[in-house]
Amino acid sequence: MKISTRNALKGKVKQIMPGAINTEVTVELDGDGAEIVAVITRGSAERLELVPGMEVYAIVKASNVLIAVD
């Protein structure tokens, strides 16, 4: 796989929660065990044949990153 983005986070699928239209996928990142959650279409989840423990990349594409404080 080659991709232009720099924000490719490697990890393993921890949990898959399918819904009627979308599926929530929790990925435990390599290294410190932090988690990231992605909401993808149910069709995409099925096409990727995601299962817990599967090695994946969480690809982050955003034009803006916001910072907030109290």
PDB file of N, CA and C in Angstrom:
ATOM      1  N   MET A   1       0.844  -1.168   0.000  1.00  0.00           N
ATOM      2  CA  MET A   1       0.000   0.000   0.000  1.00  0.00           C
ATOM      3  C   MET A   1       0.889   1.232   0.000  1.00  0.00           C
ATOM      4  N   LYS A   2       0.628   2.154  -0.896  1.00  0.00           N
ATOM      5  CA  LYS A   2       1.297   3.448  -0.897  1.00  0.00           C
ATOM      6  C   LYS A   2       0.213   4.498  -0.786  1.00  0.00           C
ATOM      7  N   ILE A   3       0.470   5.512   0.041  1.00  0.00           N
ATOM      8  CA  ILE A   3      -0.509   6.582   0.246  1.00  0.00           C
ATOM      9  C   ILE A   3       0.244   7.880   0.508  1.00  0.00           C
ATOM     10  N   SER A   4      -0.316   8.980   0.089  1.00  0.00           N
ATOM     11  CA  SER A   4       0.387  10.257   0.181  1.00  0.00           C
ATOM     12  C   SER A   4       0.303  10.901   1.563  1.00  0.00           C
ATOM     13  N   THR A   5      -0.657  10.522   2.366  1.00  0.00           N
ATOM     14  CA  THR A   5      -0.827  11.180   3.657  1.00  0.00           C
ATOM     15  C   THR A   5       0.267  10.778   4.645  1.00  0.00           C
ATOM     16  N   ARG A   6       0.602  11.676   5.537  1.00  0.00           N
ATOM     17  CA  ARG A   6       1.596  11.395   6.570  1.00  0.00           C
ATOM     18  C   ARG A   6       0.935  10.829   7.814  1.00  0.00           C
ATOM     19  N   ASN A   7      -0.370  10.963   7.900  1.00  0.00           N
ATOM     20  CA  ASN A   7      -1.086  10.580   9.105  1.00  0.00           C
ATOM     21  C   ASN A   7      -1.668   9.179   8.987  1.00  0.00           C
ATOM     22  N   ALA A   8      -0.811   8.195   8.847  1.00  0.00           N
ATOM     23  CA  ALA A   8      -1.218   6.796   8.787  1.00  0.00           C
ATOM     24  C   ALA A   8      -0.789   6.136  10.094  1.00  0.00           C
ATOM     25  N   LEU A   9      -1.757   5.752  10.917  1.00  0.00           N
ATOM     26  CA  LEU A   9      -1.481   5.202  12.237  1.00  0.00           C
ATOM     27  C   LEU A   9      -1.732   3.702  12.227  1.00  0.00           C
ATOM     28  N   LYS A  10      -0.700   2.921  12.497  1.00  0.00           N
ATOM     29  CA  LYS A  10      -0.796   1.466  12.452  1.00  0.00           C
ATOM     30  C   LYS A  10      -1.341   0.930  13.772  1.00  0.00           C
ATOM     31  N   GLY A  11      -2.210  -0.066  13.666  1.00  0.00           N
ATOM     32  CA  GLY A  11      -2.760  -0.680  14.866  1.00  0.00           C
ATOM     33  C   GLY A  11      -3.537  -1.931  14.535  1.00  0.00           C
ATOM     34  N   LYS A  12      -4.320  -2.386  15.515  1.00  0.00           N
ATOM     35  CA  LYS A  12      -5.139  -3.585  15.346  1.00  0.00           C
ATOM     36  C   LYS A  12      -6.581  -3.271  15.700  1.00  0.00           C
ATOM     37  N   VAL A  13      -7.494  -3.891  14.964  1.00  0.00           N
ATOM     38  CA  VAL A  13      -8.918  -3.706  15.242  1.00  0.00           C
ATOM     39  C   VAL A  13      -9.202  -4.275  16.626  1.00  0.00           C
ATOM     40  N   LYS A  14      -9.772  -3.439  17.480  1.00  0.00           N
ATOM     41  CA  LYS A  14     -10.119  -3.865  18.834  1.00  0.00           C
ATOM     42  C   LYS A  14     -11.595  -4.236  18.919  1.00  0.00           C
ATOM     43  N   GLN A  15     -12.442  -3.432  18.253  1.00  0.00           N
ATOM     44  CA  GLN A  15     -13.880  -3.651  18.351  1.00  0.00           C
ATOM     45  C   GLN A  15     -14.559  -3.179  17.078  1.00  0.00           C
ATOM     46  N   ILE A  16     -15.610  -3.892  16.686  1.00  0.00           N
ATOM     47  CA  ILE A  16     -16.412  -3.528  15.525  1.00  0.00           C
ATOM     48  C   ILE A  16     -17.862  -3.488  15.966  1.00  0.00           C
ATOM     49  N   MET A  17     -18.509  -2.331  15.760  1.00  0.00           N
ATOM     50  CA  MET A  17     -19.911  -2.176  16.143  1.00  0.00           C
ATOM     51  C   MET A  17     -20.724  -1.803  14.911  1.00  0.00           C
ATOM     52  N   PRO A  18     -21.297  -2.800  14.215  1.00  0.00           N
ATOM     53  CA  PRO A  18     -22.069  -2.501  13.014  1.00  0.00           C
ATOM     54  C   PRO A  18     -23.417  -1.882  13.352  1.00  0.00           C
ATOM     55  N   GLY A  19     -23.822  -0.937  12.517  1.00  0.00           N
ATOM     56  CA  GLY A  19     -25.139  -0.328  12.630  1.00  0.00           C
ATOM     57  C   GLY A  19     -25.890  -0.561  11.338  1.00  0.00           C
ATOM     58  N   ALA A  20     -27.040   0.061  11.203  1.00  0.00           N
ATOM     59  CA  ALA A  20     -27.865  -0.119  10.005  1.00  0.00           C
ATOM     60  C   ALA A  20     -27.161   0.407   8.756  1.00  0.00           C
ATOM     61  N   ILE A  21     -26.452   1.536   8.894  1.00  0.00           N
ATOM     62  CA  ILE A  21     -25.794   2.155   7.736  1.00  0.00           C
ATOM     63  C   ILE A  21     -24.282   2.238   7.931  1.00  0.00           C
ATOM     64  N   ASN A  22     -23.848   2.622   9.118  1.00  0.00           N
ATOM     65  CA  ASN A  22     -22.422   2.806   9.404  1.00  0.00           C
ATOM     66  C   ASN A  22     -21.932   1.774  10.404  1.00  0.00           C
ATOM     67  N   THR A  23     -20.619   1.594  10.425  1.00  0.00           N
ATOM     68  CA  THR A  23     -19.966   0.701  11.382  1.00  0.00           C
ATOM     69  C   THR A  23     -18.906   1.496  12.122  1.00  0.00           C
ATOM     70  N   GLU A  24     -18.893   1.371  13.448  1.00  0.00           N
ATOM     71  CA  GLU A  24     -17.885   2.026  14.276  1.00  0.00           C
ATOM     72  C   GLU A  24     -16.758   1.032  14.527  1.00  0.00           C
ATOM     73  N   VAL A  25     -15.541   1.430  14.171  1.00  0.00           N
ATOM     74  CA  VAL A  25     -14.375   0.562  14.301  1.00  0.00           C
ATOM     75  C   VAL A  25     -13.389   1.202  15.281  1.00  0.00           C
ATOM     76  N   THR A  26     -13.079   0.492  16.350  1.00  0.00           N
ATOM     77  CA  THR A  26     -12.081   0.954  17.308  1.00  0.00           C
ATOM     78  C   THR A  26     -10.763   0.275  16.992  1.00  0.00           C
ATOM     79  N   VAL A  27      -9.713   1.097  16.831  1.00  0.00           N
ATOM     80  CA  VAL A  27      -8.375   0.596  16.517  1.00  0.00           C
ATOM     81  C   VAL A  27      -7.446   0.921  17.676  1.00  0.00           C
ATOM     82  N   GLU A  28      -6.780  -0.112  18.200  1.00  0.00           N
ATOM     83  CA  GLU A  28      -5.764   0.096  19.229  1.00  0.00           C
ATOM     84  C   GLU A  28      -4.438   0.313  18.519  1.00  0.00           C
ATOM     85  N   LEU A  29      -3.846   1.489  18.723  1.00  0.00           N
ATOM     86  CA  LEU A  29      -2.637   1.867  18.011  1.00  0.00           C
ATOM     87  C   LEU A  29      -1.412   1.168  18.577  1.00  0.00           C
ATOM     88  N   ASP A  30      -0.462   0.873  17.700  1.00  0.00           N
ATOM     89  CA  ASP A  30       0.806   0.283  18.116  1.00  0.00           C
ATOM     90  C   ASP A  30       1.541   1.267  19.016  1.00  0.00           C
ATOM     91  N   GLY A  31       2.327   0.751  19.917  1.00  0.00           N
ATOM     92  CA  GLY A  31       3.140   1.613  20.777  1.00  0.00           C
ATOM     93  C   GLY A  31       2.533   1.741  22.151  1.00  0.00           C
ATOM     94  N   ASP A  32       1.791   2.815  22.369  1.00  0.00           N
ATOM     95  CA  ASP A  32       1.290   3.098  23.712  1.00  0.00           C
ATOM     96  C   ASP A  32      -0.114   2.565  23.981  1.00  0.00           C
ATOM     97  N   GLY A  33      -0.740   1.917  23.006  1.00  0.00           N
ATOM     98  CA  GLY A  33      -2.069   1.346  23.225  1.00  0.00           C
ATOM     99  C   GLY A  33      -3.204   2.345  23.154  1.00  0.00           C
ATOM    100  N   ALA A  34      -2.917   3.567  22.712  1.00  0.00           N
ATOM    101  CA  ALA A  34      -3.982   4.552  22.538  1.00  0.00           C
ATOM    102  C   ALA A  34      -4.971   4.023  21.502  1.00  0.00           C
ATOM    103  N   GLU A  35      -6.193   4.520  21.550  1.00  0.00           N
ATOM    104  CA  GLU A  35      -7.226   4.065  20.625  1.00  0.00           C
ATOM    105  C   GLU A  35      -7.736   5.208  19.772  1.00  0.00           C
ATOM    106  N   ILE A  36      -8.169   4.864  18.571  1.00  0.00           N
ATOM    107  CA  ILE A  36      -8.815   5.814  17.682  1.00  0.00           C
ATOM    108  C   ILE A  36     -10.060   5.112  17.143  1.00  0.00           C
ATOM    109  N   VAL A  37     -11.138   5.869  16.995  1.00  0.00           N
ATOM    110  CA  VAL A  37     -12.394   5.304  16.522  1.00  0.00           C
ATOM    111  C   VAL A  37     -12.739   5.918  15.177  1.00  0.00           C
ATOM    112  N   ALA A  38     -13.081   5.070  14.223  1.00  0.00           N
ATOM    113  CA  ALA A  38     -13.490   5.526  12.904  1.00  0.00           C
ATOM    114  C   ALA A  38     -14.913   5.061  12.646  1.00  0.00           C
ATOM    115  N   VAL A  39     -15.708   5.906  12.007  1.00  0.00           N
ATOM    116  CA  VAL A  39     -17.044   5.526  11.562  1.00  0.00           C
ATOM    117  C   VAL A  39     -16.976   5.442  10.045  1.00  0.00           C
ATOM    118  N   ILE A  40     -17.186   4.220   9.531  1.00  0.00           N
ATOM    119  CA  ILE A  40     -17.129   3.973   8.092  1.00  0.00           C
ATOM    120  C   ILE A  40     -18.454   3.351   7.665  1.00  0.00           C
ATOM    121  N   THR A  41     -18.717   3.314   6.377  1.00  0.00           N
ATOM    122  CA  THR A  41     -19.952   2.691   5.926  1.00  0.00           C
ATOM    123  C   THR A  41     -19.916   1.198   6.220  1.00  0.00           C
ATOM    124  N   ARG A  42     -21.085   0.655   6.415  1.00  0.00           N
ATOM    125  CA  ARG A  42     -21.178  -0.783   6.664  1.00  0.00           C
ATOM    126  C   ARG A  42     -20.623  -1.569   5.468  1.00  0.00           C
ATOM    127  N   GLY A  43     -20.902  -1.068   4.268  1.00  0.00           N
ATOM    128  CA  GLY A  43     -20.393  -1.712   3.058  1.00  0.00           C
ATOM    129  C   GLY A  43     -18.874  -1.740   3.025  1.00  0.00           C
ATOM    130  N   SER A  44     -18.244  -0.649   3.443  1.00  0.00           N
ATOM    131  CA  SER A  44     -16.777  -0.605   3.475  1.00  0.00           C
ATOM    132  C   SER A  44     -16.225  -1.601   4.484  1.00  0.00           C
ATOM    133  N   ALA A  45     -16.851  -1.685   5.647  1.00  0.00           N
ATOM    134  CA  ALA A  45     -16.402  -2.625   6.671  1.00  0.00           C
ATOM    135  C   ALA A  45     -16.496  -4.059   6.153  1.00  0.00           C
ATOM    136  N   GLU A  46     -17.579  -4.364   5.446  1.00  0.00           N
ATOM    137  CA  GLU A  46     -17.748  -5.709   4.886  1.00  0.00           C
ATOM    138  C   GLU A  46     -16.736  -5.973   3.778  1.00  0.00           C
ATOM    139  N   ARG A  47     -16.503  -4.990   2.922  1.00  0.00           N
ATOM    140  CA  ARG A  47     -15.555  -5.138   1.814  1.00  0.00           C
ATOM    141  C   ARG A  47     -14.133  -5.350   2.329  1.00  0.00           C
ATOM    142  N   LEU A  48     -13.779  -4.683   3.428  1.00  0.00           N
ATOM    143  CA  LEU A  48     -12.449  -4.828   4.025  1.00  0.00           C
ATOM    144  C   LEU A  48     -12.323  -6.108   4.848  1.00  0.00           C
ATOM    145  N   GLU A  49     -13.457  -6.780   5.092  1.00  0.00           N
ATOM    146  CA  GLU A  49     -13.485  -8.021   5.872  1.00  0.00           C
ATOM    147  C   GLU A  49     -12.816  -7.839   7.236  1.00  0.00           C
ATOM    148  N   LEU A  50     -13.182  -6.756   7.929  1.00  0.00           N
ATOM    149  CA  LEU A  50     -12.584  -6.436   9.219  1.00  0.00           C
ATOM    150  C   LEU A  50     -12.995  -7.445  10.284  1.00  0.00           C
ATOM    151  N   VAL A  51     -12.027  -7.839  11.095  1.00  0.00           N
ATOM    152  CA  VAL A  51     -12.265  -8.716  12.237  1.00  0.00           C
ATOM    153  C   VAL A  51     -11.364  -8.247  13.382  1.00  0.00           C
ATOM    154  N   PRO A  52     -11.791  -8.450  14.641  1.00  0.00           N
ATOM    155  CA  PRO A  52     -10.941  -8.073  15.770  1.00  0.00           C
ATOM    156  C   PRO A  52      -9.569  -8.749  15.672  1.00  0.00           C
ATOM    157  N   GLY A  53      -8.529  -7.982  15.999  1.00  0.00           N
ATOM    158  CA  GLY A  53      -7.155  -8.470  15.952  1.00  0.00           C
ATOM    159  C   GLY A  53      -6.470  -8.244  14.623  1.00  0.00           C
ATOM    160  N   MET A  54      -7.243  -7.845  13.607  1.00  0.00           N
ATOM    161  CA  MET A  54      -6.680  -7.621  12.275  1.00  0.00           C
ATOM    162  C   MET A  54      -5.814  -6.359  12.267  1.00  0.00           C
ATOM    163  N   GLU A  55      -4.650  -6.451  11.632  1.00  0.00           N
ATOM    164  CA  GLU A  55      -3.767  -5.295  11.516  1.00  0.00           C
ATOM    165  C   GLU A  55      -4.311  -4.343  10.446  1.00  0.00           C
ATOM    166  N   VAL A  56      -4.423  -3.067  10.797  1.00  0.00           N
ATOM    167  CA  VAL A  56      -4.968  -2.053   9.889  1.00  0.00           C
ATOM    168  C   VAL A  56      -4.189  -0.748  10.047  1.00  0.00           C
ATOM    169  N   TYR A  57      -4.471   0.186   9.173  1.00  0.00           N
ATOM    170  CA  TYR A  57      -3.961   1.545   9.289  1.00  0.00           C
ATOM    171  C   TYR A  57      -5.146   2.481   9.413  1.00  0.00           C
ATOM    172  N   ALA A  58      -5.099   3.369  10.386  1.00  0.00           N
ATOM    173  CA  ALA A  58      -6.085   4.440  10.501  1.00  0.00           C
ATOM    174  C   ALA A  58      -5.482   5.638   9.765  1.00  0.00           C
ATOM    175  N   ILE A  59      -6.130   6.033   8.682  1.00  0.00           N
ATOM    176  CA  ILE A  59      -5.636   7.130   7.861  1.00  0.00           C
ATOM    177  C   ILE A  59      -6.428   8.381   8.221  1.00  0.00           C
ATOM    178  N   VAL A  60      -5.730   9.425   8.657  1.00  0.00           N
ATOM    179  CA  VAL A  60      -6.385  10.656   9.069  1.00  0.00           C
ATOM    180  C   VAL A  60      -6.194  11.710   7.991  1.00  0.00           C
ATOM    181  N   LYS A  61      -7.308  12.197   7.460  1.00  0.00           N
ATOM    182  CA  LYS A  61      -7.251  13.260   6.466  1.00  0.00           C
ATOM    183  C   LYS A  61      -8.123  14.408   6.966  1.00  0.00           C
ATOM    184  N   ALA A  62      -7.498  15.513   7.238  1.00  0.00           N
ATOM    185  CA  ALA A  62      -8.241  16.666   7.728  1.00  0.00           C
ATOM    186  C   ALA A  62      -7.574  17.927   7.230  1.00  0.00           C
ATOM    187  N   SER A  63      -8.382  18.882   6.858  1.00  0.00           N
ATOM    188  CA  SER A  63      -7.819  20.148   6.416  1.00  0.00           C
ATOM    189  C   SER A  63      -7.507  21.062   7.601  1.00  0.00           C
ATOM    190  N   ASN A  64      -8.111  20.783   8.749  1.00  0.00           N
ATOM    191  CA  ASN A  64      -7.893  21.604   9.938  1.00  0.00           C
ATOM    192  C   ASN A  64      -7.808  20.712  11.174  1.00  0.00           C
ATOM    193  N   VAL A  65      -6.953  21.096  12.104  1.00  0.00           N
ATOM    194  CA  VAL A  65      -6.917  20.481  13.417  1.00  0.00           C
ATOM    195  C   VAL A  65      -7.100  21.622  14.413  1.00  0.00           C
ATOM    196  N   LEU A  66      -8.106  21.483  15.265  1.00  0.00           N
ATOM    197  CA  LEU A  66      -8.430  22.541  16.206  1.00  0.00           C
ATOM    198  C   LEU A  66      -7.916  22.190  17.594  1.00  0.00           C
ATOM    199  N   ILE A  67      -7.530  23.205  18.354  1.00  0.00           N
ATOM    200  CA  ILE A  67      -7.080  23.049  19.740  1.00  0.00           C
ATOM    201  C   ILE A  67      -8.005  23.882  20.613  1.00  0.00           C
ATOM    202  N   ALA A  68      -8.410  23.309  21.760  1.00  0.00           N
ATOM    203  CA  ALA A  68      -9.291  24.043  22.682  1.00  0.00           C
ATOM    204  C   ALA A  68      -8.761  23.882  24.102  1.00  0.00           C
ATOM    205  N   VAL A  69      -9.051  24.872  24.919  1.00  0.00           N
ATOM    206  CA  VAL A  69      -8.721  24.820  26.345  1.00  0.00           C
ATOM    207  C   VAL A  69      -9.904  25.350  27.143  1.00  0.00           C
ATOM    208  N   ASP A  70      -9.981  24.978  28.402  1.00  0.00           N
ATOM    209  CA  ASP A  70     -11.029  25.501  29.299  1.00  0.00           C
ATOM    210  C   ASP A  70     -10.604  26.832  29.860  1.00  0.00           C
TER     211      ASP A  70
END
